[in-house]
Amino acid sequence: MTSGTDMISGKNSLTHLSALQIAEVRFPDEVARVQQLFNADESFRGMCEDLAAAVETLTRVDYLPDNIREARRQEYVGLVEALVSEIRDALRNSKIAILRPPPASTS
């Protein structure tokens, strides 16, 4: 499940930007690191795309037949929570340093 494929319709409906935006919303205090890892690490990007697909699918679970709706909701809530935890761990363990320009000289 490392593609941006919609899990219900099978169509690729996610864009590069939407997966990044969803990760940024989930980690508002680490937006710069999320952006850097997203652009530099294919595995991290895949996790973000998986998260976006799971979130998108979760928003559509109400359209599923009654007999499977609640089971699928629970399944995707768990999947979203697991992916958020995995992304959080990746952020904590990342070796990417956030570089800032040196302060302007006042001489």
N, C-alpha and C. Protein backbone atom coordinates (compact mmCIF):
# COMPACT_ATOMS: atom_id res chain seq x y z
N MET A 1 0.83 -1.18 0.00
CA MET A 1 0.00 0.00 0.00
C MET A 1 0.88 1.25 0.00
N THR A 2 1.89 1.31 -0.78
CA THR A 2 2.76 2.47 -0.80
C THR A 2 2.51 3.37 -1.98
N SER A 3 1.38 3.21 -2.63
CA SER A 3 1.06 4.12 -3.72
C SER A 3 -0.05 5.04 -3.28
N GLY A 4 -0.36 6.03 -4.11
CA GLY A 4 -1.44 6.95 -3.81
C GLY A 4 -2.75 6.44 -4.36
N THR A 5 -2.97 5.14 -4.34
CA THR A 5 -4.17 4.57 -4.91
C THR A 5 -5.31 4.62 -3.91
N ASP A 6 -6.48 5.06 -4.36
CA ASP A 6 -7.66 5.08 -3.52
C ASP A 6 -8.05 3.65 -3.22
N MET A 7 -8.21 3.32 -1.95
CA MET A 7 -8.43 1.94 -1.55
C MET A 7 -9.83 1.43 -1.85
N ILE A 8 -10.77 2.30 -2.15
CA ILE A 8 -12.11 1.85 -2.48
C ILE A 8 -12.28 1.73 -3.98
N SER A 9 -11.95 2.76 -4.72
CA SER A 9 -12.19 2.75 -6.16
C SER A 9 -11.03 2.20 -6.96
N GLY A 10 -9.82 2.17 -6.37
CA GLY A 10 -8.66 1.72 -7.09
C GLY A 10 -8.06 2.79 -7.99
N LYS A 11 -8.59 3.98 -7.96
CA LYS A 11 -8.10 5.06 -8.80
C LYS A 11 -7.05 5.87 -8.05
N ASN A 12 -6.07 6.36 -8.79
CA ASN A 12 -5.03 7.20 -8.20
C ASN A 12 -5.56 8.61 -8.13
N SER A 13 -6.08 9.01 -6.95
CA SER A 13 -6.71 10.31 -6.80
C SER A 13 -5.90 11.27 -5.94
N LEU A 14 -4.77 10.80 -5.43
CA LEU A 14 -3.96 11.65 -4.56
C LEU A 14 -2.87 12.32 -5.36
N THR A 15 -2.59 13.54 -5.03
CA THR A 15 -1.48 14.23 -5.66
C THR A 15 -0.32 14.29 -4.69
N HIS A 16 0.84 14.57 -5.22
CA HIS A 16 2.04 14.75 -4.40
C HIS A 16 1.76 15.77 -3.31
N LEU A 17 1.11 16.86 -3.64
CA LEU A 17 0.87 17.93 -2.69
C LEU A 17 -0.11 17.51 -1.60
N SER A 18 -1.16 16.78 -1.93
CA SER A 18 -2.14 16.43 -0.91
C SER A 18 -1.55 15.51 0.15
N ALA A 19 -0.71 14.58 -0.23
CA ALA A 19 -0.07 13.70 0.75
C ALA A 19 0.83 14.51 1.67
N LEU A 20 1.56 15.47 1.11
CA LEU A 20 2.40 16.34 1.91
C LEU A 20 1.55 17.20 2.85
N GLN A 21 0.47 17.75 2.33
CA GLN A 21 -0.39 18.61 3.16
C GLN A 21 -1.00 17.84 4.32
N ILE A 22 -1.42 16.62 4.09
CA ILE A 22 -2.00 15.82 5.17
C ILE A 22 -0.96 15.56 6.25
N ALA A 23 0.26 15.26 5.86
CA ALA A 23 1.33 15.05 6.84
C ALA A 23 1.62 16.34 7.60
N GLU A 24 1.63 17.47 6.91
CA GLU A 24 1.88 18.75 7.57
C GLU A 24 0.79 19.07 8.58
N VAL A 25 -0.45 18.76 8.26
CA VAL A 25 -1.56 19.01 9.18
C VAL A 25 -1.44 18.13 10.42
N ARG A 26 -1.00 16.90 10.23
CA ARG A 26 -0.85 15.97 11.37
C ARG A 26 0.34 16.33 12.26
N PHE A 27 1.33 17.02 11.70
CA PHE A 27 2.55 17.37 12.44
C PHE A 27 2.85 18.86 12.27
N PRO A 28 1.97 19.73 12.78
CA PRO A 28 2.13 21.18 12.54
C PRO A 28 3.40 21.77 13.15
N ASP A 29 3.95 21.16 14.17
CA ASP A 29 5.16 21.68 14.80
C ASP A 29 6.43 21.22 14.09
N GLU A 30 6.28 20.36 13.08
CA GLU A 30 7.44 19.82 12.39
C GLU A 30 7.31 19.94 10.88
N VAL A 31 6.65 20.98 10.42
CA VAL A 31 6.37 21.14 8.99
C VAL A 31 7.66 21.15 8.16
N ALA A 32 8.67 21.89 8.61
CA ALA A 32 9.92 21.96 7.83
C ALA A 32 10.56 20.59 7.70
N ARG A 33 10.61 19.83 8.79
CA ARG A 33 11.21 18.49 8.75
C ARG A 33 10.36 17.56 7.87
N VAL A 34 9.03 17.65 7.98
CA VAL A 34 8.14 16.84 7.14
C VAL A 34 8.43 17.13 5.67
N GLN A 35 8.54 18.40 5.32
CA GLN A 35 8.80 18.78 3.93
C GLN A 35 10.14 18.23 3.45
N GLN A 36 11.16 18.37 4.27
CA GLN A 36 12.49 17.89 3.89
C GLN A 36 12.50 16.38 3.70
N LEU A 37 11.93 15.65 4.65
CA LEU A 37 11.91 14.20 4.53
C LEU A 37 11.05 13.75 3.35
N PHE A 38 9.93 14.41 3.17
CA PHE A 38 9.04 14.07 2.06
C PHE A 38 9.77 14.18 0.73
N ASN A 39 10.56 15.23 0.59
CA ASN A 39 11.28 15.46 -0.66
C ASN A 39 12.55 14.61 -0.79
N ALA A 40 13.14 14.20 0.34
CA ALA A 40 14.43 13.51 0.30
C ALA A 40 14.36 12.00 0.49
N ASP A 41 13.28 11.51 1.07
CA ASP A 41 13.23 10.10 1.48
C ASP A 41 12.01 9.42 0.87
N GLU A 42 12.25 8.53 -0.07
CA GLU A 42 11.15 7.84 -0.76
C GLU A 42 10.29 7.02 0.20
N SER A 43 10.90 6.41 1.19
CA SER A 43 10.17 5.61 2.17
C SER A 43 9.23 6.50 2.99
N PHE A 44 9.74 7.65 3.42
CA PHE A 44 8.91 8.60 4.18
C PHE A 44 7.76 9.10 3.31
N ARG A 45 8.07 9.44 2.08
CA ARG A 45 7.04 9.90 1.15
C ARG A 45 5.96 8.83 0.98
N GLY A 46 6.37 7.58 0.90
CA GLY A 46 5.42 6.47 0.79
C GLY A 46 4.51 6.37 2.00
N MET A 47 5.09 6.58 3.20
CA MET A 47 4.27 6.57 4.41
C MET A 47 3.23 7.69 4.36
N CYS A 48 3.64 8.87 3.90
CA CYS A 48 2.73 10.00 3.81
C CYS A 48 1.63 9.73 2.78
N GLU A 49 1.99 9.11 1.67
CA GLU A 49 1.00 8.77 0.66
C GLU A 49 0.03 7.72 1.18
N ASP A 50 0.54 6.75 1.94
CA ASP A 50 -0.33 5.75 2.56
C ASP A 50 -1.29 6.42 3.55
N LEU A 51 -0.77 7.35 4.33
CA LEU A 51 -1.61 8.08 5.27
C LEU A 51 -2.70 8.84 4.54
N ALA A 52 -2.34 9.53 3.48
CA ALA A 52 -3.32 10.29 2.71
C ALA A 52 -4.39 9.37 2.14
N ALA A 53 -3.99 8.22 1.63
CA ALA A 53 -4.95 7.26 1.08
C ALA A 53 -5.88 6.74 2.17
N ALA A 54 -5.33 6.44 3.35
CA ALA A 54 -6.15 5.93 4.45
C ALA A 54 -7.12 7.00 4.94
N VAL A 55 -6.65 8.24 5.05
CA VAL A 55 -7.52 9.35 5.48
C VAL A 55 -8.64 9.55 4.46
N GLU A 56 -8.28 9.54 3.18
CA GLU A 56 -9.29 9.72 2.13
C GLU A 56 -10.32 8.60 2.17
N THR A 57 -9.86 7.37 2.33
CA THR A 57 -10.77 6.23 2.40
C THR A 57 -11.67 6.34 3.62
N LEU A 58 -11.11 6.76 4.73
CA LEU A 58 -11.90 6.92 5.95
C LEU A 58 -13.03 7.94 5.76
N THR A 59 -12.77 8.98 4.97
CA THR A 59 -13.82 9.98 4.73
C THR A 59 -14.95 9.42 3.87
N ARG A 60 -14.70 8.32 3.18
CA ARG A 60 -15.71 7.72 2.30
C ARG A 60 -16.39 6.49 2.88
N VAL A 61 -16.05 6.12 4.10
CA VAL A 61 -16.54 4.88 4.67
C VAL A 61 -18.07 4.91 4.84
N ASP A 62 -18.67 6.07 4.99
CA ASP A 62 -20.12 6.16 5.15
C ASP A 62 -20.86 5.70 3.90
N TYR A 63 -20.20 5.63 2.77
CA TYR A 63 -20.82 5.20 1.53
C TYR A 63 -20.78 3.68 1.34
N LEU A 64 -20.14 2.99 2.25
CA LEU A 64 -20.06 1.53 2.16
C LEU A 64 -21.37 0.91 2.64
N PRO A 65 -21.62 -0.33 2.23
CA PRO A 65 -22.83 -1.02 2.69
C PRO A 65 -22.85 -1.14 4.22
N ASP A 66 -24.04 -1.10 4.78
CA ASP A 66 -24.21 -1.14 6.24
C ASP A 66 -23.49 -2.31 6.89
N ASN A 67 -23.50 -3.46 6.24
CA ASN A 67 -22.96 -4.66 6.87
C ASN A 67 -21.44 -4.65 7.03
N ILE A 68 -20.73 -3.74 6.35
CA ILE A 68 -19.27 -3.69 6.50
C ILE A 68 -18.76 -2.31 6.95
N ARG A 69 -19.65 -1.35 7.03
CA ARG A 69 -19.25 0.04 7.30
C ARG A 69 -18.44 0.19 8.58
N GLU A 70 -18.97 -0.30 9.70
CA GLU A 70 -18.30 -0.07 10.99
C GLU A 70 -16.97 -0.82 11.07
N ALA A 71 -16.93 -2.01 10.52
CA ALA A 71 -15.67 -2.78 10.53
C ALA A 71 -14.61 -2.04 9.73
N ARG A 72 -14.97 -1.51 8.59
CA ARG A 72 -14.01 -0.76 7.75
C ARG A 72 -13.59 0.53 8.44
N ARG A 73 -14.55 1.20 9.10
CA ARG A 73 -14.21 2.43 9.82
C ARG A 73 -13.14 2.13 10.88
N GLN A 74 -13.36 1.10 11.66
CA GLN A 74 -12.40 0.73 12.70
C GLN A 74 -11.06 0.34 12.09
N GLU A 75 -11.11 -0.38 10.99
CA GLU A 75 -9.89 -0.79 10.31
C GLU A 75 -9.07 0.43 9.87
N TYR A 76 -9.73 1.40 9.26
CA TYR A 76 -9.00 2.56 8.74
C TYR A 76 -8.62 3.55 9.84
N VAL A 77 -9.39 3.64 10.90
CA VAL A 77 -8.97 4.45 12.05
C VAL A 77 -7.68 3.87 12.62
N GLY A 78 -7.63 2.56 12.76
CA GLY A 78 -6.41 1.91 13.24
C GLY A 78 -5.24 2.10 12.30
N LEU A 79 -5.51 2.02 11.01
CA LEU A 79 -4.46 2.22 10.02
C LEU A 79 -3.92 3.64 10.07
N VAL A 80 -4.81 4.62 10.16
CA VAL A 80 -4.37 6.02 10.26
C VAL A 80 -3.52 6.21 11.51
N GLU A 81 -3.96 5.68 12.64
CA GLU A 81 -3.21 5.81 13.88
C GLU A 81 -1.83 5.16 13.76
N ALA A 82 -1.76 3.99 13.13
CA ALA A 82 -0.48 3.29 12.97
C ALA A 82 0.46 4.08 12.05
N LEU A 83 -0.09 4.63 10.98
CA LEU A 83 0.75 5.41 10.05
C LEU A 83 1.23 6.70 10.70
N VAL A 84 0.38 7.36 11.47
CA VAL A 84 0.80 8.57 12.18
C VAL A 84 1.93 8.24 13.15
N SER A 85 1.81 7.13 13.84
CA SER A 85 2.87 6.70 14.76
C SER A 85 4.16 6.39 14.02
N GLU A 86 4.05 5.72 12.88
CA GLU A 86 5.23 5.38 12.07
C GLU A 86 5.91 6.65 11.54
N ILE A 87 5.11 7.61 11.09
CA ILE A 87 5.66 8.88 10.60
C ILE A 87 6.31 9.65 11.75
N ARG A 88 5.67 9.64 12.91
CA ARG A 88 6.24 10.32 14.09
C ARG A 88 7.60 9.71 14.43
N ASP A 89 7.70 8.39 14.40
CA ASP A 89 8.98 7.73 14.67
C ASP A 89 10.03 8.11 13.62
N ALA A 90 9.62 8.16 12.36
CA ALA A 90 10.56 8.54 11.30
C ALA A 90 11.05 9.97 11.49
N LEU A 91 10.16 10.85 11.91
CA LEU A 91 10.56 12.24 12.17
C LEU A 91 11.56 12.30 13.32
N ARG A 92 11.30 11.56 14.38
CA ARG A 92 12.20 11.54 15.54
C ARG A 92 13.57 10.98 15.19
N ASN A 93 13.59 9.99 14.32
CA ASN A 93 14.84 9.29 13.99
C ASN A 93 15.56 9.86 12.79
N SER A 94 15.00 10.88 12.18
CA SER A 94 15.61 11.41 10.95
C SER A 94 16.93 12.09 11.26
N LYS A 95 17.81 12.00 10.31
CA LYS A 95 19.14 12.59 10.45
C LYS A 95 19.27 13.87 9.64
N ILE A 96 18.17 14.34 9.08
CA ILE A 96 18.22 15.56 8.27
C ILE A 96 18.29 16.77 9.18
N ALA A 97 19.29 17.58 8.96
CA ALA A 97 19.43 18.82 9.73
C ALA A 97 18.73 19.94 8.99
N ILE A 98 18.00 20.74 9.71
CA ILE A 98 17.33 21.88 9.11
C ILE A 98 18.31 23.05 9.13
N LEU A 99 18.73 23.46 7.96
CA LEU A 99 19.71 24.53 7.84
C LEU A 99 19.01 25.87 7.67
N ARG A 100 19.52 26.85 8.39
CA ARG A 100 18.99 28.21 8.28
C ARG A 100 20.13 29.10 7.83
N PRO A 101 19.81 30.14 7.08
CA PRO A 101 20.87 31.05 6.67
C PRO A 101 21.49 31.73 7.89
N PRO A 102 22.76 32.09 7.80
CA PRO A 102 23.40 32.77 8.95
C PRO A 102 22.74 34.13 9.16
N PRO A 103 22.78 34.63 10.39
CA PRO A 103 22.20 35.94 10.65
C PRO A 103 22.91 37.02 9.84
N ALA A 104 22.17 38.01 9.44
CA ALA A 104 22.76 39.11 8.66
C ALA A 104 23.76 39.86 9.50
N SER A 105 24.84 40.24 8.89
CA SER A 105 25.88 40.99 9.57
C SER A 105 25.41 42.44 9.75
N THR A 106 25.68 42.98 10.91
CA THR A 106 25.26 44.38 11.18
C THR A 106 26.45 45.32 11.23
N SER A 107 27.55 44.98 10.56
CA SER A 107 28.71 45.85 10.61
C SER A 107 28.67 46.90 9.57
